[in-house]
Amino acid sequence: MMKELDDLDKALLDRIKTAKCFSIRDVIRPFLLQRSESVLRDRVRALELRQLIRTARTKREILCFGVVPEDDERA
């Protein structure tokens, strides 16, 4: 059973959903004073495992995208 999202997870998710595409560094930058980079990257990875976001690796960075629910997709 998965735990509920805490405030940090919700803030990360909101930040990702506000833009079309963010690198993982841009997503976690405002939160680096609260937590370490490795913890924040793990949190983003956990959001991906829950299928709340998706990521794509480029040559130099990992990009984060908000997931569009199936109900909202336009064919």
Protein backbone atom coordinates (compact mmCIF):
# COMPACT_ATOMS: atom_id res chain seq x y z
CA MET A 1 0.00 0.00 0.00
CA MET A 2 1.36 3.41 -0.95
CA LYS A 3 1.61 6.27 1.47
CA GLU A 4 -0.22 9.49 0.74
CA LEU A 5 1.72 12.30 -0.88
CA ASP A 6 3.22 14.69 1.64
CA ASP A 7 3.58 18.45 1.16
CA LEU A 8 6.98 18.17 -0.53
CA ASP A 9 5.72 15.57 -3.03
CA LYS A 10 2.68 17.71 -3.80
CA ALA A 11 4.88 20.78 -4.31
CA LEU A 12 7.18 18.86 -6.67
CA LEU A 13 4.18 17.55 -8.60
CA ASP A 14 2.64 21.02 -8.87
CA ARG A 15 5.93 22.45 -10.10
CA ILE A 16 6.21 19.78 -12.79
CA LYS A 17 2.62 20.25 -13.94
CA THR A 18 2.95 24.05 -14.25
CA ALA A 19 5.38 23.82 -17.17
CA LYS A 20 5.34 21.71 -20.28
CA CYS A 21 8.81 20.38 -19.67
CA PHE A 22 11.31 20.84 -16.85
CA SER A 23 14.69 19.29 -16.34
CA ILE A 24 14.95 17.48 -13.03
CA ARG A 25 17.46 20.11 -11.86
CA ASP A 26 14.94 22.88 -12.51
CA VAL A 27 12.24 20.98 -10.66
CA ILE A 28 14.25 20.41 -7.48
CA ARG A 29 16.24 23.68 -7.38
CA PRO A 30 13.77 25.62 -5.12
CA PHE A 31 13.72 22.75 -2.61
CA LEU A 32 17.47 22.26 -2.18
CA LEU A 33 17.49 24.22 1.07
CA GLN A 34 14.95 21.80 2.56
CA ARG A 35 16.40 18.46 1.41
CA SER A 36 19.49 17.06 -0.26
CA GLU A 37 19.65 16.63 -4.02
CA SER A 38 19.68 12.83 -3.79
CA VAL A 39 16.54 12.78 -1.62
CA LEU A 40 14.74 15.12 -4.01
CA ARG A 41 15.74 13.04 -7.03
CA ASP A 42 14.43 9.95 -5.23
CA ARG A 43 11.15 11.76 -4.58
CA VAL A 44 10.81 12.62 -8.28
CA ARG A 45 11.60 9.00 -9.15
CA ALA A 46 8.88 7.86 -6.71
CA LEU A 47 6.37 10.16 -8.42
CA GLU A 48 7.30 8.50 -11.70
CA LEU A 49 6.83 5.03 -10.23
CA ARG A 50 3.35 6.08 -9.09
CA GLN A 51 2.74 7.16 -12.70
CA LEU A 52 1.93 10.73 -11.66
CA ILE A 53 4.68 12.08 -13.92
CA ARG A 54 6.85 10.73 -16.70
CA THR A 55 10.50 11.34 -17.42
CA ALA A 56 12.62 11.21 -20.54
CA ARG A 57 16.40 11.07 -20.66
CA THR A 58 18.28 13.22 -23.14
CA LYS A 59 22.04 13.27 -23.66
CA ARG A 60 22.62 15.65 -20.77
CA GLU A 61 19.57 15.72 -18.54
CA ILE A 62 16.36 14.08 -17.40
CA LEU A 63 13.18 15.88 -18.42
CA CYS A 64 9.99 15.71 -16.35
CA PHE A 65 6.46 15.92 -17.75
CA GLY A 66 3.09 15.94 -16.07
CA VAL A 67 0.89 12.97 -16.94
CA VAL A 68 -2.42 13.73 -18.64
CA PRO A 69 -5.19 11.51 -17.24
CA GLU A 70 -6.77 9.24 -19.84
CA ASP A 71 -10.13 11.01 -19.44
CA ASP A 72 -8.59 14.33 -20.51
CA GLU A 73 -6.69 13.07 -23.55
CA ARG A 74 -7.91 14.38 -26.87
CA ALA A 75 -7.87 11.99 -29.80
